Amino acid sequence: MILGLPKKTLMIIGVVAAVVVIYALGQKGQADAQGSPTGCKVSVTADVLNARETAAGNGKVVGKYLRGAEFDAQPVVQNGFRKIADGKWVADSFVTPVSGAKC
């Protein structure tokens, strides 16, 4: 007996606790896109993606993302560029919404 409980009871409690933790972690992974403030989350498909300060190819580069990077975005597309934040746009053709995203 441990803590005044039979070993079998402690084992059952441990298994139930493990199942709850695994379930909670699985739900967190599924809710990532919905957890985005906008519900829109995208993944980079280019080797390197420039973020620009305007929705134009000649806008000043204000950041870079590598292939596979995931980040929150806005559901706004203008001139082929997706808004990801104020003063930050990326070419929409080089990002794809992650599973469950509402872009």
PDB file of N, CA and C in Angstrom:
ATOM      1  N   MET A   1       0.837  -1.182   0.000  1.00  0.00           N
ATOM      2  CA  MET A   1       0.000   0.000   0.000  1.00  0.00           C
ATOM      3  C   MET A   1       0.881   1.245   0.000  1.00  0.00           C
ATOM      4  N   ILE A   2       0.473   2.194  -0.833  1.00  0.00           N
ATOM      5  CA  ILE A   2       1.166   3.467  -0.912  1.00  0.00           C
ATOM      6  C   ILE A   2       0.125   4.555  -0.692  1.00  0.00           C
ATOM      7  N   LEU A   3       0.431   5.515   0.162  1.00  0.00           N
ATOM      8  CA  LEU A   3      -0.511   6.583   0.505  1.00  0.00           C
ATOM      9  C   LEU A   3      -1.824   6.032   1.036  1.00  0.00           C
ATOM     10  N   GLY A   4      -1.764   4.858   1.618  1.00  0.00           N
ATOM     11  CA  GLY A   4      -2.955   4.257   2.191  1.00  0.00           C
ATOM     12  C   GLY A   4      -3.881   3.629   1.154  1.00  0.00           C
ATOM     13  N   LEU A   5      -3.419   3.545  -0.126  1.00  0.00           N
ATOM     14  CA  LEU A   5      -4.234   2.952  -1.188  1.00  0.00           C
ATOM     15  C   LEU A   5      -3.538   1.719  -1.750  1.00  0.00           C
ATOM     16  N   PRO A   6      -4.302   0.715  -2.131  1.00  0.00           N
ATOM     17  CA  PRO A   6      -3.703  -0.477  -2.741  1.00  0.00           C
ATOM     18  C   PRO A   6      -3.016  -0.105  -4.063  1.00  0.00           C
ATOM     19  N   LYS A   7      -1.986  -0.859  -4.412  1.00  0.00           N
ATOM     20  CA  LYS A   7      -1.237  -0.594  -5.652  1.00  0.00           C
ATOM     21  C   LYS A   7      -2.149  -0.619  -6.875  1.00  0.00           C
ATOM     22  N   LYS A   8      -3.093  -1.528  -6.901  1.00  0.00           N
ATOM     23  CA  LYS A   8      -3.989  -1.651  -8.055  1.00  0.00           C
ATOM     24  C   LYS A   8      -4.791  -0.362  -8.247  1.00  0.00           C
ATOM     25  N   THR A   9      -5.281   0.220  -7.170  1.00  0.00           N
ATOM     26  CA  THR A   9      -6.044   1.475  -7.239  1.00  0.00           C
ATOM     27  C   THR A   9      -5.159   2.601  -7.740  1.00  0.00           C
ATOM     28  N   LEU A  10      -3.915   2.686  -7.258  1.00  0.00           N
ATOM     29  CA  LEU A  10      -2.983   3.716  -7.707  1.00  0.00           C
ATOM     30  C   LEU A  10      -2.665   3.564  -9.194  1.00  0.00           C
ATOM     31  N   MET A  11      -2.534   2.328  -9.657  1.00  0.00           N
ATOM     32  CA  MET A  11      -2.263   2.084 -11.074  1.00  0.00           C
ATOM     33  C   MET A  11      -3.437   2.558 -11.932  1.00  0.00           C
ATOM     34  N   ILE A  12      -4.646   2.294 -11.501  1.00  0.00           N
ATOM     35  CA  ILE A  12      -5.835   2.725 -12.247  1.00  0.00           C
ATOM     36  C   ILE A  12      -5.903   4.247 -12.293  1.00  0.00           C
ATOM     37  N   ILE A  13      -5.634   4.894 -11.176  1.00  0.00           N
ATOM     38  CA  ILE A  13      -5.637   6.363 -11.126  1.00  0.00           C
ATOM     39  C   ILE A  13      -4.569   6.917 -12.069  1.00  0.00           C
ATOM     40  N   GLY A  14      -3.392   6.291 -12.086  1.00  0.00           N
ATOM     41  CA  GLY A  14      -2.307   6.724 -12.965  1.00  0.00           C
ATOM     42  C   GLY A  14      -2.662   6.598 -14.435  1.00  0.00           C
ATOM     43  N   VAL A  15      -3.292   5.497 -14.813  1.00  0.00           N
ATOM     44  CA  VAL A  15      -3.692   5.289 -16.205  1.00  0.00           C
ATOM     45  C   VAL A  15      -4.746   6.316 -16.616  1.00  0.00           C
ATOM     46  N   VAL A  16      -5.721   6.547 -15.772  1.00  0.00           N
ATOM     47  CA  VAL A  16      -6.763   7.543 -16.068  1.00  0.00           C
ATOM     48  C   VAL A  16      -6.143   8.928 -16.225  1.00  0.00           C
ATOM     49  N   ALA A  17      -5.218   9.281 -15.345  1.00  0.00           N
ATOM     50  CA  ALA A  17      -4.556  10.587 -15.426  1.00  0.00           C
ATOM     51  C   ALA A  17      -3.773  10.701 -16.732  1.00  0.00           C
ATOM     52  N   ALA A  18      -3.078   9.643 -17.129  1.00  0.00           N
ATOM     53  CA  ALA A  18      -2.313   9.659 -18.380  1.00  0.00           C
ATOM     54  C   ALA A  18      -3.233   9.837 -19.585  1.00  0.00           C
ATOM     55  N   VAL A  19      -4.362   9.164 -19.590  1.00  0.00           N
ATOM     56  CA  VAL A  19      -5.318   9.295 -20.691  1.00  0.00           C
ATOM     57  C   VAL A  19      -5.833  10.737 -20.774  1.00  0.00           C
ATOM     58  N   VAL A  20      -6.134  11.337 -19.639  1.00  0.00           N
ATOM     59  CA  VAL A  20      -6.614  12.719 -19.621  1.00  0.00           C
ATOM     60  C   VAL A  20      -5.553  13.667 -20.179  1.00  0.00           C
ATOM     61  N   VAL A  21      -4.313  13.492 -19.788  1.00  0.00           N
ATOM     62  CA  VAL A  21      -3.226  14.355 -20.270  1.00  0.00           C
ATOM     63  C   VAL A  21      -3.034  14.180 -21.778  1.00  0.00           C
ATOM     64  N   ILE A  22      -3.017  12.957 -22.253  1.00  0.00           N
ATOM     65  CA  ILE A  22      -2.843  12.707 -23.687  1.00  0.00           C
ATOM     66  C   ILE A  22      -4.000  13.314 -24.476  1.00  0.00           C
ATOM     67  N   TYR A  23      -5.207  13.172 -23.982  1.00  0.00           N
ATOM     68  CA  TYR A  23      -6.377  13.748 -24.648  1.00  0.00           C
ATOM     69  C   TYR A  23      -6.260  15.268 -24.702  1.00  0.00           C
ATOM     70  N   ALA A  24      -5.872  15.882 -23.603  1.00  0.00           N
ATOM     71  CA  ALA A  24      -5.756  17.342 -23.541  1.00  0.00           C
ATOM     72  C   ALA A  24      -4.688  17.837 -24.510  1.00  0.00           C
ATOM     73  N   LEU A  25      -3.567  17.151 -24.594  1.00  0.00           N
ATOM     74  CA  LEU A  25      -2.511  17.544 -25.532  1.00  0.00           C
ATOM     75  C   LEU A  25      -2.981  17.399 -26.972  1.00  0.00           C
ATOM     76  N   GLY A  26      -3.734  16.366 -27.265  1.00  0.00           N
ATOM     77  CA  GLY A  26      -4.279  16.172 -28.614  1.00  0.00           C
ATOM     78  C   GLY A  26      -5.256  17.273 -28.982  1.00  0.00           C
ATOM     79  N   GLN A  27      -6.071  17.698 -28.040  1.00  0.00           N
ATOM     80  CA  GLN A  27      -7.029  18.771 -28.296  1.00  0.00           C
ATOM     81  C   GLN A  27      -6.308  20.082 -28.541  1.00  0.00           C
ATOM     82  N   LYS A  28      -5.208  20.327 -27.838  1.00  0.00           N
ATOM     83  CA  LYS A  28      -4.448  21.560 -28.032  1.00  0.00           C
ATOM     84  C   LYS A  28      -3.908  21.599 -29.453  1.00  0.00           C
ATOM     85  N   GLY A  29      -3.366  20.495 -29.948  1.00  0.00           N
ATOM     86  CA  GLY A  29      -2.833  20.441 -31.300  1.00  0.00           C
ATOM     87  C   GLY A  29      -3.909  20.685 -32.346  1.00  0.00           C
ATOM     88  N   GLN A  30      -5.107  20.171 -32.129  1.00  0.00           N
ATOM     89  CA  GLN A  30      -6.192  20.358 -33.080  1.00  0.00           C
ATOM     90  C   GLN A  30      -6.727  21.774 -33.034  1.00  0.00           C
ATOM     91  N   ALA A  31      -6.588  22.439 -31.917  1.00  0.00           N
ATOM     92  CA  ALA A  31      -7.165  23.769 -31.769  1.00  0.00           C
ATOM     93  C   ALA A  31      -6.204  24.881 -32.161  1.00  0.00           C
ATOM     94  N   ASP A  32      -4.975  24.543 -32.608  1.00  0.00           N
ATOM     95  CA  ASP A  32      -4.000  25.580 -32.919  1.00  0.00           C
ATOM     96  C   ASP A  32      -4.533  26.603 -33.910  1.00  0.00           C
ATOM     97  N   ALA A  33      -5.107  26.172 -35.032  1.00  0.00           N
ATOM     98  CA  ALA A  33      -5.610  27.123 -36.023  1.00  0.00           C
ATOM     99  C   ALA A  33      -6.791  27.903 -35.463  1.00  0.00           C
ATOM    100  N   GLN A  34      -7.673  27.235 -34.716  1.00  0.00           N
ATOM    101  CA  GLN A  34      -8.809  27.937 -34.141  1.00  0.00           C
ATOM    102  C   GLN A  34      -8.359  28.858 -33.013  1.00  0.00           C
ATOM    103  N   GLY A  35      -7.201  28.563 -32.383  1.00  0.00           N
ATOM    104  CA  GLY A  35      -6.683  29.386 -31.311  1.00  0.00           C
ATOM    105  C   GLY A  35      -6.080  30.688 -31.814  1.00  0.00           C
ATOM    106  N   SER A  36      -5.906  30.774 -33.111  1.00  0.00           N
ATOM    107  CA  SER A  36      -5.397  32.005 -33.713  1.00  0.00           C
ATOM    108  C   SER A  36      -6.424  33.111 -33.500  1.00  0.00           C
ATOM    109  N   PRO A  37      -5.980  34.322 -33.212  1.00  0.00           N
ATOM    110  CA  PRO A  37      -6.925  35.428 -33.000  1.00  0.00           C
ATOM    111  C   PRO A  37      -7.876  35.629 -34.180  1.00  0.00           C
ATOM    112  N   THR A  38      -7.396  35.342 -35.389  1.00  0.00           N
ATOM    113  CA  THR A  38      -8.227  35.543 -36.583  1.00  0.00           C
ATOM    114  C   THR A  38      -8.822  34.240 -37.096  1.00  0.00           C
ATOM    115  N   GLY A  39      -8.363  33.097 -36.563  1.00  0.00           N
ATOM    116  CA  GLY A  39      -8.805  31.797 -37.077  1.00  0.00           C
ATOM    117  C   GLY A  39      -8.046  31.411 -38.325  1.00  0.00           C
ATOM    118  N   CYS A  40      -7.116  32.263 -38.760  1.00  0.00           N
ATOM    119  CA  CYS A  40      -6.331  32.016 -39.972  1.00  0.00           C
ATOM    120  C   CYS A  40      -4.878  31.790 -39.582  1.00  0.00           C
ATOM    121  N   LYS A  41      -4.369  30.621 -39.905  1.00  0.00           N
ATOM    122  CA  LYS A  41      -2.974  30.292 -39.654  1.00  0.00           C
ATOM    123  C   LYS A  41      -2.432  29.675 -40.930  1.00  0.00           C
ATOM    124  N   VAL A  42      -1.240  30.083 -41.357  1.00  0.00           N
ATOM    125  CA  VAL A  42      -0.678  29.611 -42.621  1.00  0.00           C
ATOM    126  C   VAL A  42       0.695  29.000 -42.420  1.00  0.00           C
ATOM    127  N   SER A  43       1.117  28.214 -43.421  1.00  0.00           N
ATOM    128  CA  SER A  43       2.431  27.579 -43.430  1.00  0.00           C
ATOM    129  C   SER A  43       3.154  28.016 -44.701  1.00  0.00           C
ATOM    130  N   VAL A  44       4.449  28.271 -44.592  1.00  0.00           N
ATOM    131  CA  VAL A  44       5.258  28.733 -45.721  1.00  0.00           C
ATOM    132  C   VAL A  44       5.621  27.557 -46.627  1.00  0.00           C
ATOM    133  N   THR A  45       5.425  27.730 -47.948  1.00  0.00           N
ATOM    134  CA  THR A  45       5.765  26.692 -48.914  1.00  0.00           C
ATOM    135  C   THR A  45       7.028  27.036 -49.710  1.00  0.00           C
ATOM    136  N   ALA A  46       7.512  28.269 -49.643  1.00  0.00           N
ATOM    137  CA  ALA A  46       8.740  28.684 -50.329  1.00  0.00           C
ATOM    138  C   ALA A  46       9.944  28.348 -49.457  1.00  0.00           C
ATOM    139  N   ASP A  47      11.120  28.272 -50.073  1.00  0.00           N
ATOM    140  CA  ASP A  47      12.337  28.044 -49.287  1.00  0.00           C
ATOM    141  C   ASP A  47      12.549  29.192 -48.304  1.00  0.00           C
ATOM    142  N   VAL A  48      12.445  30.421 -48.805  1.00  0.00           N
ATOM    143  CA  VAL A  48      12.531  31.627 -47.977  1.00  0.00           C
ATOM    144  C   VAL A  48      11.446  32.577 -48.467  1.00  0.00           C
ATOM    145  N   LEU A  49      10.642  33.080 -47.552  1.00  0.00           N
ATOM    146  CA  LEU A  49       9.545  33.982 -47.896  1.00  0.00           C
ATOM    147  C   LEU A  49       9.793  35.343 -47.253  1.00  0.00           C
ATOM    148  N   ASN A  50       9.820  36.380 -48.087  1.00  0.00           N
ATOM    149  CA  ASN A  50       9.991  37.739 -47.568  1.00  0.00           C
ATOM    150  C   ASN A  50       8.659  38.297 -47.105  1.00  0.00           C
ATOM    151  N   ALA A  51       8.666  38.936 -45.968  1.00  0.00           N
ATOM    152  CA  ALA A  51       7.511  39.707 -45.508  1.00  0.00           C
ATOM    153  C   ALA A  51       7.807  41.160 -45.868  1.00  0.00           C
ATOM    154  N   ARG A  52       6.826  41.837 -46.453  1.00  0.00           N
ATOM    155  CA  ARG A  52       7.022  43.208 -46.905  1.00  0.00           C
ATOM    156  C   ARG A  52       6.093  44.145 -46.157  1.00  0.00           C
ATOM    157  N   GLU A  53       6.439  45.422 -46.116  1.00  0.00           N
ATOM    158  CA  GLU A  53       5.632  46.381 -45.365  1.00  0.00           C
ATOM    159  C   GLU A  53       4.384  46.819 -46.116  1.00  0.00           C
ATOM    160  N   THR A  54       4.296  46.511 -47.401  1.00  0.00           N
ATOM    161  CA  THR A  54       3.108  46.837 -48.195  1.00  0.00           C
ATOM    162  C   THR A  54       2.704  45.623 -49.018  1.00  0.00           C
ATOM    163  N   ALA A  55       1.517  45.674 -49.575  1.00  0.00           N
ATOM    164  CA  ALA A  55       1.013  44.592 -50.423  1.00  0.00           C
ATOM    165  C   ALA A  55       1.503  44.785 -51.847  1.00  0.00           C
ATOM    166  N   ALA A  56       2.828  44.841 -51.996  1.00  0.00           N
ATOM    167  CA  ALA A  56       3.445  45.010 -53.309  1.00  0.00           C
ATOM    168  C   ALA A  56       4.806  44.328 -53.307  1.00  0.00           C
ATOM    169  N   GLY A  57       5.191  43.795 -54.459  1.00  0.00           N
ATOM    170  CA  GLY A  57       6.468  43.090 -54.579  1.00  0.00           C
ATOM    171  C   GLY A  57       7.676  43.975 -54.379  1.00  0.00           C
ATOM    172  N   ASN A  58       7.498  45.282 -54.517  1.00  0.00           N
ATOM    173  CA  ASN A  58       8.643  46.184 -54.343  1.00  0.00           C
ATOM    174  C   ASN A  58       8.652  46.853 -52.969  1.00  0.00           C
ATOM    175  N   GLY A  59       7.779  46.411 -52.076  1.00  0.00           N
ATOM    176  CA  GLY A  59       7.743  46.968 -50.723  1.00  0.00           C
ATOM    177  C   GLY A  59       8.983  46.580 -49.936  1.00  0.00           C
ATOM    178  N   LYS A  60       9.331  47.379 -48.953  1.00  0.00           N
ATOM    179  CA  LYS A  60      10.500  47.125 -48.110  1.00  0.00           C
ATOM    180  C   LYS A  60      10.343  45.790 -47.376  1.00  0.00           C
ATOM    181  N   VAL A  61      11.406  44.971 -47.382  1.00  0.00           N
ATOM    182  CA  VAL A  61      11.405  43.686 -46.676  1.00  0.00           C
ATOM    183  C   VAL A  61      11.532  43.961 -45.175  1.00  0.00           C
ATOM    184  N   VAL A  62      10.570  43.433 -44.408  1.00  0.00           N
ATOM    185  CA  VAL A  62      10.559  43.660 -42.958  1.00  0.00           C
ATOM    186  C   VAL A  62      10.686  42.360 -42.161  1.00  0.00           C
ATOM    187  N   GLY A  63      10.862  41.240 -42.864  1.00  0.00           N
ATOM    188  CA  GLY A  63      11.029  39.957 -42.190  1.00  0.00           C
ATOM    189  C   GLY A  63      11.180  38.837 -43.185  1.00  0.00           C
ATOM    190  N   LYS A  64      11.628  37.692 -42.717  1.00  0.00           N
ATOM    191  CA  LYS A  64      11.794  36.510 -43.565  1.00  0.00           C
ATOM    192  C   LYS A  64      11.301  35.287 -42.804  1.00  0.00           C
ATOM    193  N   TYR A  65      10.718  34.343 -43.553  1.00  0.00           N
ATOM    194  CA  TYR A  65      10.239  33.086 -42.983  1.00  0.00           C
ATOM    195  C   TYR A  65      10.800  31.934 -43.802  1.00  0.00           C
ATOM    196  N   LEU A  66      11.151  30.847 -43.143  1.00  0.00           N
ATOM    197  CA  LEU A  66      11.667  29.664 -43.827  1.00  0.00           C
ATOM    198  C   LEU A  66      10.547  28.670 -44.100  1.00  0.00           C
ATOM    199  N   ARG A  67      10.790  27.785 -45.072  1.00  0.00           N
ATOM    200  CA  ARG A  67       9.811  26.751 -45.436  1.00  0.00           C
ATOM    201  C   ARG A  67       9.335  26.009 -44.187  1.00  0.00           C
ATOM    202  N   GLY A  68       8.030  25.821 -44.093  1.00  0.00           N
ATOM    203  CA  GLY A  68       7.439  25.090 -42.974  1.00  0.00           C
ATOM    204  C   GLY A  68       7.076  25.955 -41.782  1.00  0.00           C
ATOM    205  N   ALA A  69       7.525  27.207 -41.767  1.00  0.00           N
ATOM    206  CA  ALA A  69       7.163  28.097 -40.659  1.00  0.00           C
ATOM    207  C   ALA A  69       5.651  28.296 -40.661  1.00  0.00           C
ATOM    208  N   GLU A  70       5.051  28.308 -39.487  1.00  0.00           N
ATOM    209  CA  GLU A  70       3.614  28.537 -39.355  1.00  0.00           C
ATOM    210  C   GLU A  70       3.396  29.779 -38.509  1.00  0.00           C
ATOM    211  N   PHE A  71       2.431  30.604 -38.924  1.00  0.00           N
ATOM    212  CA  PHE A  71       2.146  31.814 -38.167  1.00  0.00           C
ATOM    213  C   PHE A  71       0.720  32.269 -38.434  1.00  0.00           C
ATOM    214  N   ASP A  72       0.219  33.103 -37.534  1.00  0.00           N
ATOM    215  CA  ASP A  72      -1.111  33.677 -37.688  1.00  0.00           C
ATOM    216  C   ASP A  72      -1.101  34.646 -38.851  1.00  0.00           C
ATOM    217  N   ALA A  73      -2.238  34.722 -39.543  1.00  0.00           N
ATOM    218  CA  ALA A  73      -2.385  35.638 -40.666  1.00  0.00           C
ATOM    219  C   ALA A  73      -3.771  36.260 -40.599  1.00  0.00           C
ATOM    220  N   GLN A  74      -4.014  37.184 -41.477  1.00  0.00           N
ATOM    221  CA  GLN A  74      -5.322  37.822 -41.594  1.00  0.00           C
ATOM    222  C   GLN A  74      -6.047  37.192 -42.779  1.00  0.00           C
ATOM    223  N   PRO A  75      -7.357  37.202 -42.796  1.00  0.00           N
ATOM    224  CA  PRO A  75      -8.085  36.675 -43.945  1.00  0.00           C
ATOM    225  C   PRO A  75      -8.149  37.691 -45.096  1.00  0.00           C
ATOM    226  N   VAL A  76      -7.225  38.649 -45.112  1.00  0.00           N
ATOM    227  CA  VAL A  76      -7.201  39.719 -46.109  1.00  0.00           C
ATOM    228  C   VAL A  76      -6.127  39.426 -47.147  1.00  0.00           C
ATOM    229  N   VAL A  77      -6.526  39.383 -48.435  1.00  0.00           N
ATOM    230  CA  VAL A  77      -5.580  39.233 -49.533  1.00  0.00           C
ATOM    231  C   VAL A  77      -5.792  40.413 -50.463  1.00  0.00           C
ATOM    232  N   GLN A  78      -4.681  41.081 -50.800  1.00  0.00           N
ATOM    233  CA  GLN A  78      -4.736  42.275 -51.653  1.00  0.00           C
ATOM    234  C   GLN A  78      -3.568  42.208 -52.634  1.00  0.00           C
ATOM    235  N   ASN A  79      -3.846  42.345 -53.915  1.00  0.00           N
ATOM    236  CA  ASN A  79      -2.803  42.310 -54.959  1.00  0.00           C
ATOM    237  C   ASN A  79      -1.948  41.046 -54.874  1.00  0.00           C
ATOM    238  N   GLY A  80      -2.537  39.932 -54.444  1.00  0.00           N
ATOM    239  CA  GLY A  80      -1.787  38.684 -54.342  1.00  0.00           C
ATOM    240  C   GLY A  80      -0.958  38.554 -53.077  1.00  0.00           C
ATOM    241  N   PHE A  81      -1.133  39.479 -52.121  1.00  0.00           N
ATOM    242  CA  PHE A  81      -0.391  39.439 -50.859  1.00  0.00           C
ATOM    243  C   PHE A  81      -1.366  39.258 -49.705  1.00  0.00           C
ATOM    244  N   ARG A  82      -0.977  38.397 -48.759  1.00  0.00           N
ATOM    245  CA  ARG A  82      -1.799  38.159 -47.567  1.00  0.00           C
ATOM    246  C   ARG A  82      -1.250  38.990 -46.418  1.00  0.00           C
ATOM    247  N   LYS A  83      -2.156  39.675 -45.727  1.00  0.00           N
ATOM    248  CA  LYS A  83      -1.767  40.476 -44.573  1.00  0.00           C
ATOM    249  C   LYS A  83      -1.552  39.546 -43.390  1.00  0.00           C
ATOM    250  N   ILE A  84      -0.410  39.702 -42.727  1.00  0.00           N
ATOM    251  CA  ILE A  84      -0.166  38.882 -41.545  1.00  0.00           C
ATOM    252  C   ILE A  84      -0.128  39.728 -40.285  1.00  0.00           C
ATOM    253  N   ALA A  85       0.049  41.026 -40.442  1.00  0.00           N
ATOM    254  CA  ALA A  85       0.029  41.966 -39.315  1.00  0.00           C
ATOM    255  C   ALA A  85       0.053  43.369 -39.901  1.00  0.00           C
ATOM    256  N   ASP A  86      -0.135  44.377 -39.067  1.00  0.00           N
ATOM    257  CA  ASP A  86      -0.033  45.748 -39.553  1.00  0.00           C
ATOM    258  C   ASP A  86       1.369  45.971 -40.092  1.00  0.00           C
ATOM    259  N   GLY A  87       1.458  46.397 -41.344  1.00  0.00           N
ATOM    260  CA  GLY A  87       2.752  46.655 -41.964  1.00  0.00           C
ATOM    261  C   GLY A  87       3.535  45.412 -42.315  1.00  0.00           C
ATOM    262  N   LYS A  88       2.847  44.262 -42.455  1.00  0.00           N
ATOM    263  CA  LYS A  88       3.526  43.002 -42.775  1.00  0.00           C
ATOM    264  C   LYS A  88       2.652  42.181 -43.718  1.00  0.00           C
ATOM    265  N   TRP A  89       3.143  41.979 -44.945  1.00  0.00           N
ATOM    266  CA  TRP A  89       2.436  41.238 -45.982  1.00  0.00           C
ATOM    267  C   TRP A  89       3.360  40.186 -46.587  1.00  0.00           C
ATOM    268  N   VAL A  90       2.790  39.040 -46.993  1.00  0.00           N
ATOM    269  CA  VAL A  90       3.567  38.000 -47.682  1.00  0.00           C
ATOM    270  C   VAL A  90       2.822  37.596 -48.951  1.00  0.00           C
ATOM    271  N   ALA A  91       3.581  37.117 -49.940  1.00  0.00           N
ATOM    272  CA  ALA A  91       2.969  36.651 -51.190  1.00  0.00           C
ATOM    273  C   ALA A  91       2.070  35.454 -50.863  1.00  0.00           C
ATOM    274  N   ASP A  92       0.787  35.582 -51.183  1.00  0.00           N
ATOM    275  CA  ASP A  92      -0.189  34.547 -50.840  1.00  0.00           C
ATOM    276  C   ASP A  92       0.083  33.229 -51.556  1.00  0.00           C
ATOM    277  N   SER A  93       0.731  33.283 -52.704  1.00  0.00           N
ATOM    278  CA  SER A  93       0.999  32.051 -53.459  1.00  0.00           C
ATOM    279  C   SER A  93       2.065  31.181 -52.785  1.00  0.00           C
ATOM    280  N   PHE A  94       2.759  31.718 -51.779  1.00  0.00           N
ATOM    281  CA  PHE A  94       3.804  30.961 -51.097  1.00  0.00           C
ATOM    282  C   PHE A  94       3.438  30.577 -49.665  1.00  0.00           C
ATOM    283  N   VAL A  95       2.156  30.683 -49.320  1.00  0.00           N
ATOM    284  CA  VAL A  95       1.665  30.201 -48.034  1.00  0.00           C
ATOM    285  C   VAL A  95       0.414  29.382 -48.289  1.00  0.00           C
ATOM    286  N   THR A  96       0.159  28.451 -47.394  1.00  0.00           N
ATOM    287  CA  THR A  96      -1.049  27.639 -47.490  1.00  0.00           C
ATOM    288  C   THR A  96      -1.679  27.556 -46.109  1.00  0.00           C
ATOM    289  N   PRO A  97      -2.998  27.659 -46.022  1.00  0.00           N
ATOM    290  CA  PRO A  97      -3.640  27.548 -44.706  1.00  0.00           C
ATOM    291  C   PRO A  97      -3.379  26.189 -44.073  1.00  0.00           C
ATOM    292  N   VAL A  98      -3.140  26.158 -42.770  1.00  0.00           N
ATOM    293  CA  VAL A  98      -2.955  24.879 -42.078  1.00  0.00           C
ATOM    294  C   VAL A  98      -4.335  24.234 -41.916  1.00  0.00           C
ATOM    295  N   SER A  99      -4.320  22.957 -41.629  1.00  0.00           N
ATOM    296  CA  SER A  99      -5.566  22.212 -41.470  1.00  0.00           C
ATOM    297  C   SER A  99      -6.449  22.857 -40.404  1.00  0.00           C
ATOM    298  N   GLY A 100      -7.691  23.095 -40.732  1.00  0.00           N
ATOM    299  CA  GLY A 100      -8.645  23.665 -39.801  1.00  0.00           C
ATOM    300  C   GLY A 100      -8.673  25.177 -39.772  1.00  0.00           C
ATOM    301  N   ALA A 101      -7.768  25.825 -40.526  1.00  0.00           N
ATOM    302  CA  ALA A 101      -7.723  27.294 -40.535  1.00  0.00           C
ATOM    303  C   ALA A 101      -8.880  27.848 -41.364  1.00  0.00           C
ATOM    304  N   LYS A 102      -9.330  29.015 -40.963  1.00  0.00           N
ATOM    305  CA  LYS A 102     -10.419  29.698 -41.681  1.00  0.00           C
ATOM    306  C   LYS A 102      -9.850  30.975 -42.294  1.00  0.00           C
ATOM    307  N   CYS A 103      -9.150  30.799 -43.405  1.00  0.00           N
ATOM    308  CA  CYS A 103      -8.506  31.947 -44.062  1.00  0.00           C
ATOM    309  C   CYS A 103      -9.340  32.441 -45.242  1.00  0.00           C
TER     310      CYS A 103
END
